[in-house]
């Protein structure tokens, strides 16, 4: 129903982003790594979405690439995996890693995803293996590598935030507090690619 939303980042939580588009604020649930890559508050972004509708709930799940959305939909087709569990898988391994793990019967890699045990990983491999092929997996991997290199500046900002958060954790702060403080700093006066500047600004929020 809603293929994607292009809008301005209005608010960010631990598990979702509020995207303002057409004077409407859409709450979109995303993985932590995707939220970290969104950039500053007020920045315009495009998020590919899956609209989950149930009798008592309507929720949007979002991804930064069409490929991630496609893999998410494949996961939803696995018996016993719902929208939140599928998002948990996507937060633990990338779309490329999942494809190659399924094709190589790599239960261990898939089991690394939050909430996915060995039996669920085996069932996931069994149900998805005939929907994937090695040639397509390599082609998509190449396309993703090329896209990542074109988005190098965004990667630098993401790496800067990650390094700053890791430094705060080393100082004794929790992962959650460190990520929250670094996010606020990056959305404020600090340059997301400047680790030292991010650290100084983040410490003000702790």
Protein backbone atom coordinates (compact mmCIF):
# COMPACT_ATOMS: atom_id res chain seq x y z
CA UNK A 1 0.00 0.00 0.00
CA UNK A 2 2.81 2.42 0.90
CA UNK A 3 5.93 1.63 -1.13
CA UNK A 4 8.13 4.38 0.27
CA UNK A 5 7.99 7.72 2.07
CA UNK A 6 10.23 10.68 1.31
CA UNK A 7 10.29 13.27 4.05
CA UNK A 8 12.15 15.14 6.78
CA UNK A 9 13.52 13.44 9.90
CA UNK A 10 11.43 15.03 12.66
CA UNK A 11 12.20 12.75 15.61
CA UNK A 12 14.22 9.67 16.41
CA UNK A 13 13.68 7.04 19.12
CA UNK A 14 15.60 3.87 19.99
CA UNK A 15 13.46 1.75 17.64
CA UNK A 16 11.81 4.12 15.18
CA UNK A 17 11.98 7.39 13.28
CA UNK A 18 9.25 9.97 12.85
CA UNK A 19 9.29 11.13 9.24
CA UNK A 20 7.38 14.29 8.36
CA UNK A 21 5.90 14.20 4.86
CA UNK A 22 2.99 16.31 3.64
CA UNK A 23 2.47 17.75 7.16
CA UNK A 24 1.95 14.23 8.53
CA UNK A 25 4.34 12.49 10.95
CA UNK A 26 4.82 8.81 10.10
CA UNK A 27 6.33 6.55 12.77
CA UNK A 28 8.49 3.96 11.01
CA UNK A 29 10.11 1.09 12.88
CA UNK A 30 13.68 0.39 11.73
CA UNK A 31 16.83 -1.46 12.75
CA UNK A 32 19.29 0.40 14.99
CA UNK A 33 21.94 0.50 12.26
CA UNK A 34 19.48 2.07 9.80
CA UNK A 35 18.45 4.69 12.35
CA UNK A 36 22.11 5.55 12.94
CA UNK A 37 22.59 6.15 9.20
CA UNK A 38 19.71 8.59 8.84
CA UNK A 39 21.79 11.66 9.57
CA UNK A 40 20.79 14.94 11.15
CA UNK A 41 17.37 16.06 12.29
CA UNK A 42 15.60 17.89 9.50
CA UNK A 43 17.47 16.02 6.77
CA UNK A 44 15.33 14.72 3.91
CA UNK A 45 15.49 10.95 3.41
CA UNK A 46 13.70 8.25 1.44
CA UNK A 47 12.59 5.17 3.36
CA UNK A 48 11.18 2.04 1.71
CA UNK A 49 8.29 0.75 3.79
CA UNK A 50 6.24 -2.30 4.64
CA UNK A 51 2.74 -1.54 5.98
CA UNK A 52 1.67 -4.13 8.53
CA UNK A 53 -2.07 -4.24 9.25
CA UNK A 54 -3.80 -6.34 11.88
CA UNK A 55 -7.16 -6.02 13.63
CA UNK A 56 -5.67 -4.08 16.53
CA UNK A 57 -2.61 -2.45 15.00
CA UNK A 58 -1.24 -0.65 11.93
CA UNK A 59 2.55 -0.23 11.75
CA UNK A 60 5.16 0.86 9.23
CA UNK A 61 8.52 -0.90 9.01
CA UNK A 62 11.23 0.90 7.08
CA UNK A 63 14.48 0.25 5.21
CA UNK A 64 17.04 2.43 3.48
CA UNK A 65 17.27 0.22 0.39
CA UNK A 66 14.81 -1.66 -1.79
CA UNK A 67 16.99 -4.77 -1.39
CA UNK A 68 16.58 -4.76 2.40
CA UNK A 69 12.80 -4.40 2.00
CA UNK A 70 12.69 -7.32 -0.44
CA UNK A 71 14.62 -9.57 1.97
CA UNK A 72 12.35 -8.47 4.82
CA UNK A 73 9.29 -9.53 2.82
CA UNK A 74 10.93 -12.90 2.13
CA UNK A 75 11.45 -13.38 5.87
CA UNK A 76 7.77 -12.61 6.52
CA UNK A 77 6.92 -15.55 4.30
CA UNK A 78 8.64 -17.96 6.69
CA UNK A 79 6.16 -19.72 8.95
CA UNK A 80 6.38 -18.37 12.51
CA UNK A 81 8.31 -15.17 11.69
CA UNK A 82 6.29 -11.97 12.14
CA UNK A 83 7.17 -8.33 11.44
CA UNK A 84 9.14 -7.75 14.65
CA UNK A 85 11.04 -11.03 14.43
CA UNK A 86 11.91 -10.34 10.78
CA UNK A 87 13.20 -6.90 11.75
CA UNK A 88 15.27 -8.57 14.46
CA UNK A 89 16.90 -10.78 11.84
CA UNK A 90 17.68 -7.73 9.70
CA UNK A 91 19.26 -6.00 12.71
CA UNK A 92 21.63 -8.93 13.24
CA UNK A 93 22.84 -9.65 9.70
CA UNK A 94 22.79 -7.83 6.37
CA UNK A 95 20.68 -8.83 3.39
CA UNK A 96 23.81 -10.11 1.61
CA UNK A 97 24.90 -12.15 4.63
CA UNK A 98 21.44 -13.66 4.94
CA UNK A 99 21.33 -14.69 1.28
CA UNK A 100 24.73 -16.40 1.39
CA UNK A 101 23.95 -18.01 4.77
CA UNK A 102 20.73 -19.51 3.40
CA UNK A 103 22.42 -20.78 0.22
CA UNK A 104 25.31 -22.35 2.18
CA UNK A 105 23.16 -23.83 4.98
CA UNK A 106 24.99 -21.62 7.49
CA UNK A 107 22.78 -22.06 10.55
CA UNK A 108 25.39 -20.48 12.85
CA UNK A 109 25.36 -17.09 11.09
CA UNK A 110 21.57 -16.84 11.02
CA UNK A 111 21.38 -17.88 14.68
CA UNK A 112 23.36 -14.75 15.57
CA UNK A 113 20.26 -12.64 14.86
CA UNK A 114 18.35 -11.59 18.01
CA UNK A 115 15.54 -14.00 18.91
CA UNK A 116 16.50 -16.58 16.29
CA UNK A 117 17.46 -19.98 17.66
CA UNK A 118 19.01 -22.91 15.84
CA UNK A 119 15.67 -24.57 15.01
CA UNK A 120 14.19 -21.33 13.63
CA UNK A 121 17.35 -20.75 11.58
CA UNK A 122 17.09 -24.25 10.11
CA UNK A 123 13.42 -23.69 9.22
CA UNK A 124 14.28 -20.31 7.67
CA UNK A 125 16.95 -21.93 5.47
CA UNK A 126 14.60 -24.72 4.44
CA UNK A 127 11.79 -22.34 3.42
CA UNK A 128 13.94 -19.72 1.68
CA UNK A 129 16.53 -21.82 -0.14
CA UNK A 130 14.37 -22.44 -3.20
CA UNK A 131 13.57 -18.72 -3.44
CA UNK A 132 17.21 -17.67 -3.82
CA UNK A 133 20.02 -18.54 -6.22
CA UNK A 134 23.77 -18.03 -6.04
CA UNK A 135 24.12 -16.01 -9.26
CA UNK A 136 21.54 -13.44 -8.15
CA UNK A 137 23.17 -13.29 -4.70
CA UNK A 138 26.55 -12.39 -6.21
CA UNK A 139 25.00 -9.80 -8.54
CA UNK A 140 23.14 -8.15 -5.68
CA UNK A 141 26.26 -8.18 -3.51
CA UNK A 142 28.17 -6.36 -6.27
CA UNK A 143 25.37 -3.80 -6.63
CA UNK A 144 25.32 -3.19 -2.88
CA UNK A 145 29.09 -2.72 -2.73
CA UNK A 146 28.90 -0.16 -5.55
CA UNK A 147 26.05 1.69 -3.86
CA UNK A 148 27.98 1.74 -0.58
CA UNK A 149 31.04 3.22 -2.25
CA UNK A 150 28.90 5.96 -3.82
CA UNK A 151 27.56 6.77 -0.36
CA UNK A 152 31.03 7.07 1.15
CA UNK A 153 30.37 10.36 2.91
CA UNK A 154 27.40 8.86 4.74
CA UNK A 155 29.56 5.90 5.79
CA UNK A 156 32.17 8.26 7.23
CA UNK A 157 29.52 9.95 9.35
CA UNK A 158 28.18 6.58 10.52
CA UNK A 159 31.69 5.40 11.42
CA UNK A 160 32.32 8.61 13.34
CA UNK A 161 29.18 8.11 15.43
CA UNK A 162 30.07 4.47 16.05
CA UNK A 163 33.61 5.32 17.20
CA UNK A 164 32.31 8.02 19.53
CA UNK A 165 29.74 5.65 21.05
CA UNK A 166 32.39 2.95 21.57
CA UNK A 167 34.64 5.46 23.32
CA UNK A 168 31.83 6.42 25.71
CA UNK A 169 31.14 2.74 26.47
CA UNK A 170 34.85 2.33 27.27
CA UNK A 171 34.47 5.19 29.75
CA UNK A 172 31.79 3.21 31.59
CA UNK A 173 28.53 4.41 30.04
CA UNK A 174 25.90 1.92 28.87
CA UNK A 175 25.44 1.18 25.15
CA UNK A 176 21.96 2.74 25.20
CA UNK A 177 23.07 5.95 26.95
CA UNK A 178 26.13 6.26 24.71
CA UNK A 179 24.16 5.85 21.47
CA UNK A 180 21.47 8.27 22.64
CA UNK A 181 24.02 10.94 23.60
CA UNK A 182 25.98 10.58 20.34
CA UNK A 183 22.77 10.78 18.32
CA UNK A 184 21.76 14.01 20.07
CA UNK A 185 25.24 15.43 19.51
CA UNK A 186 25.18 14.54 15.79
CA UNK A 187 21.75 16.12 15.41
CA UNK A 188 22.94 19.24 17.18
CA UNK A 189 26.13 21.25 16.81
CA UNK A 190 28.67 18.46 16.27
CA UNK A 191 29.96 17.25 12.90
CA UNK A 192 28.85 13.57 12.58
CA UNK A 193 32.22 12.71 11.04
CA UNK A 194 34.31 14.39 13.77
CA UNK A 195 34.83 11.79 16.53
CA UNK A 196 36.48 14.20 18.99
CA UNK A 197 33.79 16.84 18.47
CA UNK A 198 31.05 14.23 18.86
CA UNK A 199 32.59 13.00 22.12
CA UNK A 200 32.79 16.47 23.63
CA UNK A 201 29.22 17.29 22.62
CA UNK A 202 27.86 13.89 23.71
CA UNK A 203 29.37 14.22 27.19
CA UNK A 204 27.12 17.25 27.77
CA UNK A 205 24.09 14.95 27.50
CA UNK A 206 25.44 12.36 29.96
